[in-house]
N, C-alpha and C. Protein backbone atom coordinates (compact mmCIF):
# COMPACT_ATOMS: atom_id res chain seq x y z
N MET A 1 -49.39 31.47 52.26
CA MET A 1 -50.83 31.54 52.04
C MET A 1 -51.42 32.75 52.74
N GLU A 2 -50.94 32.97 53.96
CA GLU A 2 -51.43 34.10 54.73
C GLU A 2 -51.04 35.42 54.07
N MET A 3 -49.85 35.44 53.46
CA MET A 3 -49.39 36.65 52.78
C MET A 3 -50.26 36.94 51.56
N ILE A 4 -50.63 35.88 50.82
CA ILE A 4 -51.50 36.06 49.65
C ILE A 4 -52.86 36.59 50.06
N TRP A 5 -53.39 36.04 51.15
CA TRP A 5 -54.68 36.50 51.65
C TRP A 5 -54.62 37.97 52.06
N GLU A 6 -53.51 38.38 52.65
CA GLU A 6 -53.33 39.77 53.05
C GLU A 6 -53.32 40.69 51.84
N VAL A 7 -52.70 40.21 50.76
CA VAL A 7 -52.68 41.00 49.52
C VAL A 7 -54.09 41.15 48.97
N PHE A 8 -54.84 40.04 48.92
CA PHE A 8 -56.21 40.07 48.42
C PHE A 8 -57.10 40.98 49.26
N ASP A 9 -56.82 41.00 50.56
CA ASP A 9 -57.65 41.74 51.49
C ASP A 9 -57.21 43.19 51.64
N SER A 10 -56.13 43.57 50.99
CA SER A 10 -55.60 44.93 51.12
C SER A 10 -56.49 45.94 50.40
N PHE A 11 -56.41 47.18 50.85
CA PHE A 11 -57.22 48.26 50.25
C PHE A 11 -56.87 48.44 48.79
N TRP A 12 -55.61 48.38 48.42
CA TRP A 12 -55.17 48.63 47.06
C TRP A 12 -55.64 47.55 46.10
N PHE A 13 -55.56 46.31 46.51
CA PHE A 13 -56.03 45.23 45.64
C PHE A 13 -57.54 45.31 45.45
N GLN A 14 -58.24 45.56 46.54
CA GLN A 14 -59.69 45.71 46.47
C GLN A 14 -60.08 46.89 45.58
N ALA A 15 -59.28 47.95 45.63
CA ALA A 15 -59.55 49.13 44.81
C ALA A 15 -59.46 48.79 43.32
N ILE A 16 -58.45 48.02 42.95
CA ILE A 16 -58.29 47.62 41.54
C ILE A 16 -59.48 46.78 41.08
N ILE A 17 -59.87 45.81 41.91
CA ILE A 17 -61.02 44.95 41.57
C ILE A 17 -62.28 45.78 41.41
N LYS A 18 -62.50 46.72 42.30
CA LYS A 18 -63.71 47.55 42.25
C LYS A 18 -63.72 48.45 41.02
N LEU A 19 -62.57 49.02 40.68
CA LEU A 19 -62.49 49.89 39.51
C LEU A 19 -62.78 49.11 38.22
N VAL A 20 -62.18 47.92 38.10
CA VAL A 20 -62.40 47.11 36.91
C VAL A 20 -63.85 46.66 36.82
N LEU A 21 -64.41 46.21 37.94
CA LEU A 21 -65.79 45.73 37.95
C LEU A 21 -66.76 46.86 37.64
N GLY A 22 -66.50 48.04 38.21
CA GLY A 22 -67.36 49.20 37.93
C GLY A 22 -67.31 49.58 36.46
N PHE A 23 -66.12 49.51 35.87
CA PHE A 23 -65.97 49.80 34.44
C PHE A 23 -66.76 48.81 33.60
N VAL A 24 -66.67 47.52 33.93
CA VAL A 24 -67.34 46.47 33.15
C VAL A 24 -68.85 46.61 33.25
N LEU A 25 -69.37 46.77 34.46
CA LEU A 25 -70.83 46.85 34.65
C LEU A 25 -71.41 48.08 33.98
N ALA A 26 -70.74 49.22 34.13
CA ALA A 26 -71.22 50.44 33.48
C ALA A 26 -71.11 50.32 31.96
N GLY A 27 -70.05 49.66 31.51
CA GLY A 27 -69.87 49.48 30.07
C GLY A 27 -70.96 48.62 29.45
N ILE A 28 -71.47 47.65 30.19
CA ILE A 28 -72.55 46.80 29.68
C ILE A 28 -73.79 47.64 29.37
N ILE A 29 -74.14 48.52 30.29
CA ILE A 29 -75.29 49.40 30.06
C ILE A 29 -74.99 50.38 28.93
N GLY A 30 -73.76 50.87 28.87
CA GLY A 30 -73.37 51.79 27.81
C GLY A 30 -73.45 51.16 26.43
N LEU A 31 -73.08 49.88 26.34
CA LEU A 31 -73.17 49.18 25.06
C LEU A 31 -74.61 49.09 24.57
N GLU A 32 -75.54 48.86 25.50
CA GLU A 32 -76.96 48.79 25.13
C GLU A 32 -77.42 50.13 24.57
N ARG A 33 -76.99 51.23 25.19
CA ARG A 33 -77.36 52.56 24.70
C ARG A 33 -76.71 52.85 23.35
N SER A 34 -75.50 52.34 23.15
CA SER A 34 -74.81 52.56 21.88
C SER A 34 -75.54 51.90 20.72
N THR A 35 -76.15 50.73 20.98
CA THR A 35 -76.87 50.03 19.91
C THR A 35 -78.07 50.81 19.42
N TRP A 36 -78.56 51.72 20.26
CA TRP A 36 -79.69 52.57 19.87
C TRP A 36 -79.23 53.95 19.43
N SER A 37 -77.92 54.14 19.30
CA SER A 37 -77.33 55.41 18.85
C SER A 37 -77.77 56.58 19.74
N LYS A 38 -77.74 56.35 21.05
CA LYS A 38 -78.11 57.39 22.00
C LYS A 38 -76.93 58.33 22.24
N PRO A 39 -77.21 59.56 22.74
CA PRO A 39 -76.13 60.54 22.92
C PRO A 39 -75.04 60.10 23.88
N ALA A 40 -75.39 59.29 24.87
CA ALA A 40 -74.38 58.76 25.81
C ALA A 40 -74.28 57.25 25.60
N GLY A 41 -73.13 56.81 25.12
CA GLY A 41 -72.95 55.39 24.81
C GLY A 41 -71.97 54.70 25.73
N PHE A 42 -71.20 53.77 25.17
CA PHE A 42 -70.29 52.95 25.98
C PHE A 42 -69.26 53.81 26.72
N ARG A 43 -68.60 54.70 26.03
CA ARG A 43 -67.52 55.48 26.66
C ARG A 43 -68.04 56.35 27.79
N THR A 44 -69.18 57.03 27.54
CA THR A 44 -69.73 57.91 28.58
C THR A 44 -70.13 57.12 29.82
N HIS A 45 -70.87 56.02 29.62
CA HIS A 45 -71.31 55.21 30.76
C HIS A 45 -70.12 54.59 31.50
N ALA A 46 -69.14 54.09 30.74
CA ALA A 46 -67.98 53.47 31.37
C ALA A 46 -67.20 54.49 32.20
N LEU A 47 -67.04 55.69 31.68
CA LEU A 47 -66.32 56.74 32.41
C LEU A 47 -67.07 57.16 33.67
N VAL A 48 -68.40 57.30 33.54
CA VAL A 48 -69.20 57.67 34.72
C VAL A 48 -69.13 56.56 35.77
N GLY A 49 -69.21 55.30 35.33
CA GLY A 49 -69.18 54.18 36.27
C GLY A 49 -67.87 54.09 37.02
N ILE A 50 -66.75 54.13 36.30
CA ILE A 50 -65.45 54.00 36.96
C ILE A 50 -65.14 55.23 37.82
N SER A 51 -65.63 56.39 37.40
CA SER A 51 -65.45 57.60 38.20
C SER A 51 -66.22 57.52 39.51
N SER A 52 -67.41 56.92 39.45
CA SER A 52 -68.22 56.76 40.67
C SER A 52 -67.51 55.84 41.67
N VAL A 53 -66.93 54.76 41.14
CA VAL A 53 -66.18 53.86 42.01
C VAL A 53 -65.00 54.59 42.64
N LEU A 54 -64.29 55.37 41.84
CA LEU A 54 -63.13 56.11 42.35
C LEU A 54 -63.53 57.11 43.42
N VAL A 55 -64.66 57.79 43.22
CA VAL A 55 -65.13 58.75 44.21
C VAL A 55 -65.43 58.05 45.54
N MET A 56 -66.07 56.89 45.46
CA MET A 56 -66.37 56.14 46.68
C MET A 56 -65.10 55.67 47.36
N LEU A 57 -64.12 55.22 46.58
CA LEU A 57 -62.83 54.79 47.14
C LEU A 57 -62.09 55.98 47.75
N CYS A 58 -62.22 57.12 47.09
CA CYS A 58 -61.57 58.32 47.60
C CYS A 58 -62.14 58.70 48.97
N GLY A 59 -63.48 58.60 49.09
CA GLY A 59 -64.10 58.88 50.38
C GLY A 59 -63.65 57.91 51.45
N GLU A 60 -63.54 56.63 51.09
CA GLU A 60 -63.08 55.62 52.04
C GLU A 60 -61.63 55.87 52.43
N TYR A 61 -60.80 56.22 51.46
CA TYR A 61 -59.37 56.46 51.72
C TYR A 61 -59.18 57.67 52.64
N MET A 62 -59.93 58.74 52.36
CA MET A 62 -59.81 59.95 53.17
C MET A 62 -60.33 59.73 54.58
N SER A 63 -61.32 58.85 54.72
CA SER A 63 -61.83 58.55 56.06
C SER A 63 -60.78 57.83 56.91
N LYS A 64 -59.93 57.04 56.24
CA LYS A 64 -58.86 56.35 56.97
C LYS A 64 -57.74 57.31 57.37
N ILE A 65 -57.47 58.28 56.47
CA ILE A 65 -56.35 59.20 56.72
C ILE A 65 -56.75 60.35 57.63
N TYR A 66 -57.90 60.95 57.32
CA TYR A 66 -58.29 62.17 58.03
C TYR A 66 -59.47 61.97 58.97
N ASP A 67 -59.99 60.76 59.06
CA ASP A 67 -61.10 60.44 59.96
C ASP A 67 -62.31 61.34 59.69
N ILE A 68 -62.75 61.33 58.42
CA ILE A 68 -63.92 62.11 58.04
C ILE A 68 -65.02 61.15 57.57
N ASP A 69 -66.21 61.69 57.38
CA ASP A 69 -67.34 60.88 56.92
C ASP A 69 -67.10 60.44 55.47
N PRO A 70 -66.99 59.13 55.19
CA PRO A 70 -66.69 58.68 53.83
C PRO A 70 -67.82 58.91 52.82
N SER A 71 -69.01 59.27 53.29
CA SER A 71 -70.14 59.45 52.38
C SER A 71 -70.27 60.88 51.87
N ARG A 72 -69.46 61.79 52.39
CA ARG A 72 -69.62 63.19 52.01
C ARG A 72 -69.29 63.44 50.54
N ILE A 73 -68.18 62.88 50.05
CA ILE A 73 -67.79 63.09 48.65
C ILE A 73 -68.76 62.38 47.70
N PRO A 74 -69.11 61.10 47.92
CA PRO A 74 -70.08 60.45 47.03
C PRO A 74 -71.43 61.16 46.97
N ALA A 75 -71.83 61.78 48.08
CA ALA A 75 -73.11 62.50 48.10
C ALA A 75 -73.10 63.65 47.10
N GLN A 76 -71.94 64.31 46.97
CA GLN A 76 -71.84 65.41 46.01
C GLN A 76 -71.91 64.91 44.58
N LEU A 77 -71.44 63.69 44.36
CA LEU A 77 -71.47 63.12 43.01
C LEU A 77 -72.91 62.94 42.53
N LEU A 78 -73.80 62.48 43.40
CA LEU A 78 -75.20 62.27 43.01
C LEU A 78 -75.86 63.58 42.61
N SER A 79 -75.40 64.68 43.23
CA SER A 79 -75.94 65.99 42.82
C SER A 79 -75.34 66.43 41.50
N GLY A 80 -74.04 66.18 41.33
CA GLY A 80 -73.37 66.63 40.11
C GLY A 80 -73.72 65.85 38.87
N ILE A 81 -74.13 64.58 39.03
CA ILE A 81 -74.44 63.77 37.85
C ILE A 81 -75.63 64.33 37.09
N GLY A 82 -76.43 65.15 37.76
CA GLY A 82 -77.57 65.77 37.09
C GLY A 82 -77.16 66.66 35.93
N PHE A 83 -75.98 67.27 36.01
CA PHE A 83 -75.51 68.13 34.93
C PHE A 83 -75.21 67.32 33.68
N ILE A 84 -74.62 66.14 33.87
CA ILE A 84 -74.34 65.28 32.72
C ILE A 84 -75.64 64.75 32.13
N GLY A 85 -76.55 64.33 33.01
CA GLY A 85 -77.83 63.83 32.54
C GLY A 85 -78.60 64.88 31.76
N ALA A 86 -78.53 66.13 32.24
CA ALA A 86 -79.25 67.21 31.54
C ALA A 86 -78.70 67.42 30.14
N GLY A 87 -77.42 67.11 29.95
CA GLY A 87 -76.82 67.28 28.63
C GLY A 87 -77.32 66.28 27.61
N THR A 88 -77.91 65.19 28.06
CA THR A 88 -78.43 64.17 27.13
C THR A 88 -79.90 64.39 26.82
N ILE A 89 -80.55 65.31 27.54
CA ILE A 89 -81.98 65.57 27.34
C ILE A 89 -82.13 66.69 26.32
N LEU A 90 -82.80 66.40 25.24
CA LEU A 90 -82.97 67.36 24.16
C LEU A 90 -84.46 67.56 23.89
N ARG A 91 -84.81 68.80 23.58
CA ARG A 91 -86.19 69.10 23.18
C ARG A 91 -86.22 69.25 21.66
N ASP A 92 -87.05 68.43 21.04
CA ASP A 92 -87.18 68.45 19.59
C ASP A 92 -88.64 68.68 19.23
N GLY A 93 -88.98 69.95 19.00
CA GLY A 93 -90.38 70.28 18.71
C GLY A 93 -91.25 70.00 19.93
N PHE A 94 -92.20 69.06 19.78
CA PHE A 94 -93.10 68.72 20.88
C PHE A 94 -92.54 67.58 21.73
N ASN A 95 -91.39 67.05 21.36
CA ASN A 95 -90.87 65.85 22.01
C ASN A 95 -89.69 66.18 22.90
N VAL A 96 -89.54 65.37 23.94
CA VAL A 96 -88.36 65.44 24.81
C VAL A 96 -87.64 64.11 24.71
N LYS A 97 -86.39 64.16 24.29
CA LYS A 97 -85.61 62.94 24.09
C LYS A 97 -84.46 62.89 25.08
N GLY A 98 -84.04 61.69 25.41
CA GLY A 98 -82.86 61.51 26.25
C GLY A 98 -83.14 61.26 27.72
N LEU A 99 -84.42 61.22 28.12
CA LEU A 99 -84.73 61.01 29.53
C LEU A 99 -84.27 59.62 30.00
N THR A 100 -84.47 58.62 29.15
CA THR A 100 -84.06 57.27 29.52
C THR A 100 -82.55 57.17 29.65
N THR A 101 -81.82 57.80 28.73
CA THR A 101 -80.36 57.80 28.81
C THR A 101 -79.87 58.52 30.07
N ALA A 102 -80.52 59.63 30.41
CA ALA A 102 -80.15 60.35 31.62
C ALA A 102 -80.40 59.49 32.86
N ALA A 103 -81.53 58.78 32.86
CA ALA A 103 -81.82 57.87 33.98
C ALA A 103 -80.80 56.74 34.04
N GLY A 104 -80.36 56.29 32.85
CA GLY A 104 -79.33 55.24 32.80
C GLY A 104 -78.01 55.71 33.40
N LEU A 105 -77.66 56.96 33.14
CA LEU A 105 -76.43 57.52 33.73
C LEU A 105 -76.53 57.59 35.25
N LEU A 106 -77.70 57.94 35.75
CA LEU A 106 -77.90 57.96 37.19
C LEU A 106 -77.77 56.56 37.76
N ALA A 107 -78.35 55.57 37.06
CA ALA A 107 -78.26 54.18 37.51
C ALA A 107 -76.81 53.70 37.52
N VAL A 108 -76.05 54.07 36.48
CA VAL A 108 -74.64 53.68 36.41
C VAL A 108 -73.86 54.31 37.56
N THR A 109 -74.19 55.55 37.89
CA THR A 109 -73.53 56.21 39.02
C THR A 109 -73.78 55.46 40.32
N CYS A 110 -75.03 55.06 40.54
CA CYS A 110 -75.37 54.31 41.75
C CYS A 110 -74.70 52.94 41.78
N VAL A 111 -74.60 52.30 40.60
CA VAL A 111 -73.90 51.02 40.51
C VAL A 111 -72.43 51.21 40.90
N GLY A 112 -71.82 52.25 40.36
CA GLY A 112 -70.43 52.52 40.69
C GLY A 112 -70.20 52.79 42.17
N LEU A 113 -71.09 53.55 42.78
CA LEU A 113 -70.98 53.82 44.21
C LEU A 113 -71.15 52.53 45.03
N SER A 114 -72.07 51.67 44.58
CA SER A 114 -72.28 50.40 45.27
C SER A 114 -71.03 49.51 45.21
N ILE A 115 -70.43 49.43 44.01
CA ILE A 115 -69.21 48.63 43.86
C ILE A 115 -68.08 49.23 44.69
N GLY A 116 -67.99 50.56 44.67
CA GLY A 116 -66.95 51.23 45.45
C GLY A 116 -67.10 50.99 46.94
N ALA A 117 -68.34 50.83 47.38
CA ALA A 117 -68.59 50.58 48.81
C ALA A 117 -68.44 49.10 49.16
N GLY A 118 -68.23 48.25 48.14
CA GLY A 118 -68.08 46.82 48.40
C GLY A 118 -69.39 46.05 48.34
N PHE A 119 -70.47 46.72 47.94
CA PHE A 119 -71.77 46.07 47.84
C PHE A 119 -71.89 45.46 46.44
N TYR A 120 -71.11 44.40 46.19
CA TYR A 120 -70.99 43.82 44.85
C TYR A 120 -72.32 43.24 44.35
N LEU A 121 -73.00 42.51 45.20
CA LEU A 121 -74.24 41.85 44.78
C LEU A 121 -75.27 42.87 44.32
N GLY A 122 -75.41 43.95 45.08
CA GLY A 122 -76.37 44.98 44.71
C GLY A 122 -76.03 45.62 43.38
N GLY A 123 -74.74 45.89 43.15
CA GLY A 123 -74.32 46.51 41.90
C GLY A 123 -74.53 45.60 40.71
N ILE A 124 -74.22 44.31 40.86
CA ILE A 124 -74.36 43.36 39.75
C ILE A 124 -75.84 43.14 39.42
N ILE A 125 -76.67 42.92 40.44
CA ILE A 125 -78.09 42.69 40.20
C ILE A 125 -78.74 43.93 39.58
N THR A 126 -78.37 45.12 40.05
CA THR A 126 -78.91 46.35 39.47
C THR A 126 -78.54 46.49 38.01
N THR A 127 -77.30 46.14 37.68
CA THR A 127 -76.86 46.20 36.28
C THR A 127 -77.70 45.28 35.41
N LEU A 128 -77.95 44.08 35.88
CA LEU A 128 -78.77 43.14 35.12
C LEU A 128 -80.18 43.66 34.92
N ILE A 129 -80.77 44.20 35.99
CA ILE A 129 -82.14 44.71 35.91
C ILE A 129 -82.22 45.90 34.95
N VAL A 130 -81.27 46.83 35.07
CA VAL A 130 -81.25 48.01 34.19
C VAL A 130 -81.11 47.60 32.74
N TYR A 131 -80.23 46.64 32.49
CA TYR A 131 -80.01 46.17 31.11
C TYR A 131 -81.29 45.54 30.54
N ILE A 132 -81.95 44.74 31.36
CA ILE A 132 -83.20 44.10 30.91
C ILE A 132 -84.28 45.15 30.63
N VAL A 133 -84.39 46.14 31.51
CA VAL A 133 -85.39 47.19 31.32
C VAL A 133 -85.12 47.96 30.03
N LEU A 134 -83.87 48.32 29.79
CA LEU A 134 -83.53 49.10 28.61
C LEU A 134 -83.69 48.29 27.32
N SER A 135 -83.40 47.00 27.39
CA SER A 135 -83.38 46.18 26.18
C SER A 135 -84.73 45.56 25.83
N TYR A 136 -85.52 45.19 26.86
CA TYR A 136 -86.69 44.35 26.58
C TYR A 136 -88.02 44.91 27.06
N SER A 137 -88.02 46.06 27.73
CA SER A 137 -89.28 46.58 28.27
C SER A 137 -90.27 46.92 27.16
N TYR A 138 -89.75 47.39 26.00
CA TYR A 138 -90.66 47.75 24.92
C TYR A 138 -91.36 46.52 24.35
N LYS A 139 -90.71 45.35 24.42
CA LYS A 139 -91.34 44.13 23.92
C LYS A 139 -92.51 43.72 24.82
N ILE A 140 -92.33 43.93 26.13
CA ILE A 140 -93.41 43.62 27.07
C ILE A 140 -94.60 44.55 26.83
N SER A 141 -94.31 45.85 26.65
CA SER A 141 -95.40 46.81 26.42
C SER A 141 -96.13 46.52 25.11
N ASP A 142 -95.38 46.04 24.11
CA ASP A 142 -96.01 45.69 22.84
C ASP A 142 -97.03 44.57 23.01
N LYS A 143 -96.73 43.58 23.86
CA LYS A 143 -97.64 42.46 24.07
C LYS A 143 -98.86 42.86 24.88
N LEU A 144 -98.68 43.84 25.77
CA LEU A 144 -99.80 44.27 26.60
C LEU A 144 -100.74 45.21 25.86
N ASP A 145 -100.23 45.87 24.84
CA ASP A 145 -101.03 46.86 24.12
C ASP A 145 -101.03 46.53 22.64
N HIS A 146 -102.22 46.39 22.05
CA HIS A 146 -102.33 46.05 20.63
C HIS A 146 -102.18 47.29 19.74
N PHE A 147 -102.18 48.46 20.34
CA PHE A 147 -102.08 49.69 19.57
C PHE A 147 -100.79 50.43 19.94
N ASN A 148 -100.30 51.19 19.00
CA ASN A 148 -99.07 51.93 19.22
C ASN A 148 -99.28 53.37 18.78
N VAL A 149 -98.39 54.24 19.26
CA VAL A 149 -98.46 55.65 18.92
C VAL A 149 -97.48 55.95 17.80
N LEU A 150 -97.95 56.67 16.80
CA LEU A 150 -97.10 57.10 15.69
C LEU A 150 -96.96 58.61 15.75
N GLU A 151 -95.72 59.08 15.85
CA GLU A 151 -95.45 60.52 15.86
C GLU A 151 -94.55 60.84 14.68
N LEU A 152 -94.99 61.78 13.87
CA LEU A 152 -94.23 62.15 12.68
C LEU A 152 -93.96 63.65 12.67
N GLU A 153 -92.75 64.00 12.27
CA GLU A 153 -92.39 65.39 11.99
C GLU A 153 -92.30 65.52 10.48
N ILE A 154 -93.18 66.31 9.89
CA ILE A 154 -93.27 66.43 8.43
C ILE A 154 -92.83 67.83 8.01
N LYS A 155 -91.77 67.87 7.22
CA LYS A 155 -91.26 69.15 6.73
C LYS A 155 -91.84 69.42 5.35
N VAL A 156 -92.47 70.58 5.19
CA VAL A 156 -93.13 70.93 3.93
C VAL A 156 -92.51 72.20 3.35
N GLN A 157 -92.64 72.35 2.04
CA GLN A 157 -92.15 73.57 1.39
C GLN A 157 -93.03 74.76 1.75
N GLU A 158 -94.33 74.47 1.80
CA GLU A 158 -95.30 75.50 2.16
C GLU A 158 -96.47 74.85 2.87
N ASN A 159 -96.81 75.37 4.03
CA ASN A 159 -97.86 74.77 4.84
C ASN A 159 -99.24 75.18 4.31
N THR A 160 -99.83 74.32 3.45
CA THR A 160 -101.11 74.64 2.83
C THR A 160 -102.18 73.66 3.28
N GLU A 161 -103.43 74.07 3.11
CA GLU A 161 -104.57 73.22 3.49
C GLU A 161 -104.62 71.98 2.61
N GLU A 162 -104.25 72.13 1.34
CA GLU A 162 -104.28 71.01 0.40
C GLU A 162 -103.28 69.93 0.82
N THR A 163 -102.09 70.33 1.25
CA THR A 163 -101.08 69.37 1.70
C THR A 163 -101.55 68.64 2.94
N LEU A 164 -102.15 69.38 3.87
CA LEU A 164 -102.65 68.77 5.10
C LEU A 164 -103.75 67.76 4.80
N THR A 165 -104.61 68.08 3.86
CA THR A 165 -105.69 67.16 3.48
C THR A 165 -105.14 65.87 2.90
N LYS A 166 -104.11 65.96 2.06
CA LYS A 166 -103.52 64.78 1.47
C LYS A 166 -102.83 63.90 2.52
N ILE A 167 -102.22 64.54 3.51
CA ILE A 167 -101.60 63.78 4.60
C ILE A 167 -102.67 63.02 5.38
N GLU A 168 -103.77 63.69 5.68
CA GLU A 168 -104.87 63.06 6.41
C GLU A 168 -105.45 61.88 5.63
N GLU A 169 -105.61 62.05 4.33
CA GLU A 169 -106.13 60.96 3.50
C GLU A 169 -105.19 59.76 3.50
N CYS A 170 -103.90 60.04 3.42
CA CYS A 170 -102.91 58.96 3.42
C CYS A 170 -102.93 58.19 4.73
N LEU A 171 -103.04 58.93 5.85
CA LEU A 171 -103.09 58.29 7.17
C LEU A 171 -104.37 57.46 7.32
N THR A 172 -105.47 57.99 6.81
CA THR A 172 -106.75 57.27 6.89
C THR A 172 -106.69 55.97 6.09
N ASN A 173 -106.06 56.00 4.93
CA ASN A 173 -105.92 54.80 4.10
C ASN A 173 -105.15 53.69 4.81
N TYR A 174 -104.24 54.09 5.69
CA TYR A 174 -103.44 53.10 6.44
C TYR A 174 -104.01 52.86 7.84
N GLN A 175 -105.24 53.30 8.04
CA GLN A 175 -105.99 53.06 9.28
C GLN A 175 -105.27 53.62 10.51
N VAL A 176 -104.73 54.80 10.35
CA VAL A 176 -104.13 55.52 11.47
C VAL A 176 -105.16 56.50 12.01
N GLU A 177 -105.50 56.34 13.28
CA GLU A 177 -106.46 57.24 13.92
C GLU A 177 -105.72 58.49 14.39
N ILE A 178 -106.01 59.60 13.77
CA ILE A 178 -105.29 60.84 14.06
C ILE A 178 -105.76 61.42 15.39
N LYS A 179 -104.82 61.68 16.27
CA LYS A 179 -105.13 62.26 17.57
C LYS A 179 -104.77 63.74 17.64
N GLN A 180 -103.74 64.12 16.87
CA GLN A 180 -103.30 65.51 16.96
C GLN A 180 -102.51 65.89 15.71
N ILE A 181 -102.81 67.02 15.14
CA ILE A 181 -102.00 67.59 14.07
C ILE A 181 -101.79 69.06 14.41
N GLN A 182 -100.55 69.45 14.55
CA GLN A 182 -100.24 70.82 14.93
C GLN A 182 -99.04 71.33 14.15
N LYS A 183 -99.01 72.62 13.97
CA LYS A 183 -97.82 73.26 13.42
C LYS A 183 -96.81 73.45 14.55
N THR A 184 -95.54 73.25 14.23
CA THR A 184 -94.51 73.53 15.22
C THR A 184 -94.21 75.02 15.20
N ASN A 185 -93.20 75.41 15.97
CA ASN A 185 -92.84 76.82 16.01
C ASN A 185 -92.41 77.32 14.63
N LYS A 186 -91.86 76.40 13.84
CA LYS A 186 -91.48 76.75 12.47
C LYS A 186 -92.67 76.48 11.55
N GLU A 187 -92.94 77.40 10.67
CA GLU A 187 -94.10 77.29 9.80
C GLU A 187 -93.98 76.16 8.78
N ASP A 188 -92.75 75.68 8.53
CA ASP A 188 -92.57 74.67 7.50
C ASP A 188 -92.60 73.26 8.06
N LYS A 189 -93.08 73.08 9.31
CA LYS A 189 -93.12 71.75 9.91
C LYS A 189 -94.51 71.46 10.48
N ILE A 190 -94.91 70.20 10.34
CA ILE A 190 -96.18 69.73 10.89
C ILE A 190 -95.88 68.57 11.83
N HIS A 191 -96.44 68.62 13.02
CA HIS A 191 -96.28 67.53 13.99
C HIS A 191 -97.58 66.75 14.06
N MET A 192 -97.51 65.44 13.81
CA MET A 192 -98.70 64.60 13.77
C MET A 192 -98.57 63.46 14.76
N VAL A 193 -99.64 63.21 15.53
CA VAL A 193 -99.70 62.10 16.47
C VAL A 193 -100.93 61.26 16.15
N GLY A 194 -100.74 59.94 16.04
CA GLY A 194 -101.86 59.06 15.74
C GLY A 194 -101.68 57.69 16.36
N HIS A 195 -102.75 56.89 16.38
CA HIS A 195 -102.73 55.52 16.88
C HIS A 195 -102.96 54.56 15.73
N TYR A 196 -102.29 53.42 15.78
CA TYR A 196 -102.49 52.41 14.74
C TYR A 196 -102.44 51.02 15.36
N ASN A 197 -103.09 50.09 14.69
CA ASN A 197 -103.07 48.70 15.11
C ASN A 197 -101.77 48.07 14.65
N LYS A 198 -101.02 47.49 15.57
CA LYS A 198 -99.70 46.98 15.24
C LYS A 198 -99.72 45.81 14.27
N LYS A 199 -100.80 45.05 14.29
CA LYS A 199 -100.86 43.85 13.46
C LYS A 199 -100.98 44.22 11.98
N GLY A 200 -99.95 43.89 11.23
CA GLY A 200 -99.96 44.11 9.79
C GLY A 200 -99.74 45.55 9.37
N PHE A 201 -99.38 46.43 10.30
CA PHE A 201 -99.18 47.83 9.95
C PHE A 201 -97.86 48.01 9.22
N LYS A 202 -97.89 48.70 8.07
CA LYS A 202 -96.69 48.91 7.25
C LYS A 202 -96.22 50.35 7.44
N LYS A 203 -95.44 50.56 8.49
CA LYS A 203 -95.01 51.91 8.83
C LYS A 203 -94.10 52.50 7.76
N ASN A 204 -93.12 51.73 7.30
CA ASN A 204 -92.17 52.24 6.30
C ASN A 204 -92.88 52.63 5.01
N GLU A 205 -93.85 51.82 4.64
CA GLU A 205 -94.60 52.11 3.41
C GLU A 205 -95.41 53.39 3.56
N LEU A 206 -95.99 53.58 4.75
CA LEU A 206 -96.77 54.80 5.01
C LEU A 206 -95.89 56.03 4.93
N ILE A 207 -94.73 55.97 5.58
CA ILE A 207 -93.82 57.12 5.56
C ILE A 207 -93.37 57.43 4.14
N ARG A 208 -93.12 56.38 3.34
CA ARG A 208 -92.72 56.59 1.95
C ARG A 208 -93.84 57.24 1.15
N LYS A 209 -95.08 56.80 1.40
CA LYS A 209 -96.23 57.37 0.69
C LYS A 209 -96.39 58.86 1.02
N ILE A 210 -96.24 59.19 2.31
CA ILE A 210 -96.38 60.60 2.70
C ILE A 210 -95.27 61.44 2.08
N SER A 211 -94.05 60.89 2.05
CA SER A 211 -92.92 61.64 1.49
C SER A 211 -93.07 61.91 0.00
N MET A 212 -93.91 61.09 -0.67
CA MET A 212 -94.13 61.26 -2.12
C MET A 212 -95.19 62.32 -2.43
N ILE A 213 -95.88 62.80 -1.39
CA ILE A 213 -96.89 63.84 -1.61
C ILE A 213 -96.20 65.13 -2.05
N GLU A 214 -96.79 65.78 -3.03
CA GLU A 214 -96.23 67.03 -3.54
C GLU A 214 -96.17 68.07 -2.42
N ASN A 215 -95.08 68.82 -2.39
CA ASN A 215 -94.87 69.90 -1.42
C ASN A 215 -94.22 69.42 -0.13
N ILE A 216 -94.02 68.10 0.04
CA ILE A 216 -93.39 67.57 1.26
C ILE A 216 -91.92 67.29 0.99
N GLU A 217 -91.05 67.80 1.87
CA GLU A 217 -89.61 67.66 1.68
C GLU A 217 -89.04 66.50 2.50
N GLU A 218 -89.56 66.28 3.71
CA GLU A 218 -88.97 65.26 4.58
C GLU A 218 -90.00 64.76 5.59
N VAL A 219 -89.92 63.47 5.92
CA VAL A 219 -90.79 62.88 6.93
C VAL A 219 -89.91 62.12 7.91
N MET A 220 -90.00 62.46 9.19
CA MET A 220 -89.19 61.83 10.22
C MET A 220 -90.08 61.30 11.32
N GLU A 221 -89.78 60.11 11.79
CA GLU A 221 -90.51 59.54 12.92
C GLU A 221 -89.86 59.97 14.22
N SER A 222 -90.65 60.50 15.13
CA SER A 222 -90.13 60.89 16.43
C SER A 222 -89.85 59.66 17.25
N GLN A 223 -88.63 59.60 17.86
CA GLN A 223 -88.21 58.44 18.64
C GLN A 223 -88.39 58.71 20.12
N ASP A 224 -88.74 57.67 20.87
CA ASP A 224 -88.94 57.77 22.32
C ASP A 224 -87.60 57.75 23.02
N SER A 225 -87.44 58.60 24.03
CA SER A 225 -86.27 58.64 24.90
C SER A 225 -85.01 58.54 24.14
């Protein structure tokens, strides 16, 4: 019995448990991002999570062998993760996408470091909170606010006053309060921002109506994060 306990308490056994747990927790967050077709999904989050655990274990291992500060290597990871996060942030016209995914990667890194340090409870609770925030926060905001923002990128064959007028009329018919209409850097695109009442609003029908206007080639809804 004592021998079994020694095995469980050994650095190597604990390392395996931490690596597997870090992979699982990071993978849970990655799966949520995958369901939204984000640039960083299950594989990216799982790799970042297990790598964070390994870095923390590496620092602990080196501190035993060389008597150095075990936090030095993990500290560099928090700086380096910014490069991966920056790769998920994209600028699309007036919009910036990927900020939430980048924040998720940072959270996964911190979860991995926590598991690697043996702070299991903190890592597990953080994973649950992050998952809830990513999955259900928009539902809470919907209940608190009766109005929503509609952002459309409209590609036209030729940017004319007549086309713009027809778009405005279509939005008015669907009770969308226009807040901003601007040309993007490209002359063949129009960026529109408006507010609408969520109750009974037929977004798909509106987009289809706009796409049927003469001179319009494509209508895309801008997505958050």
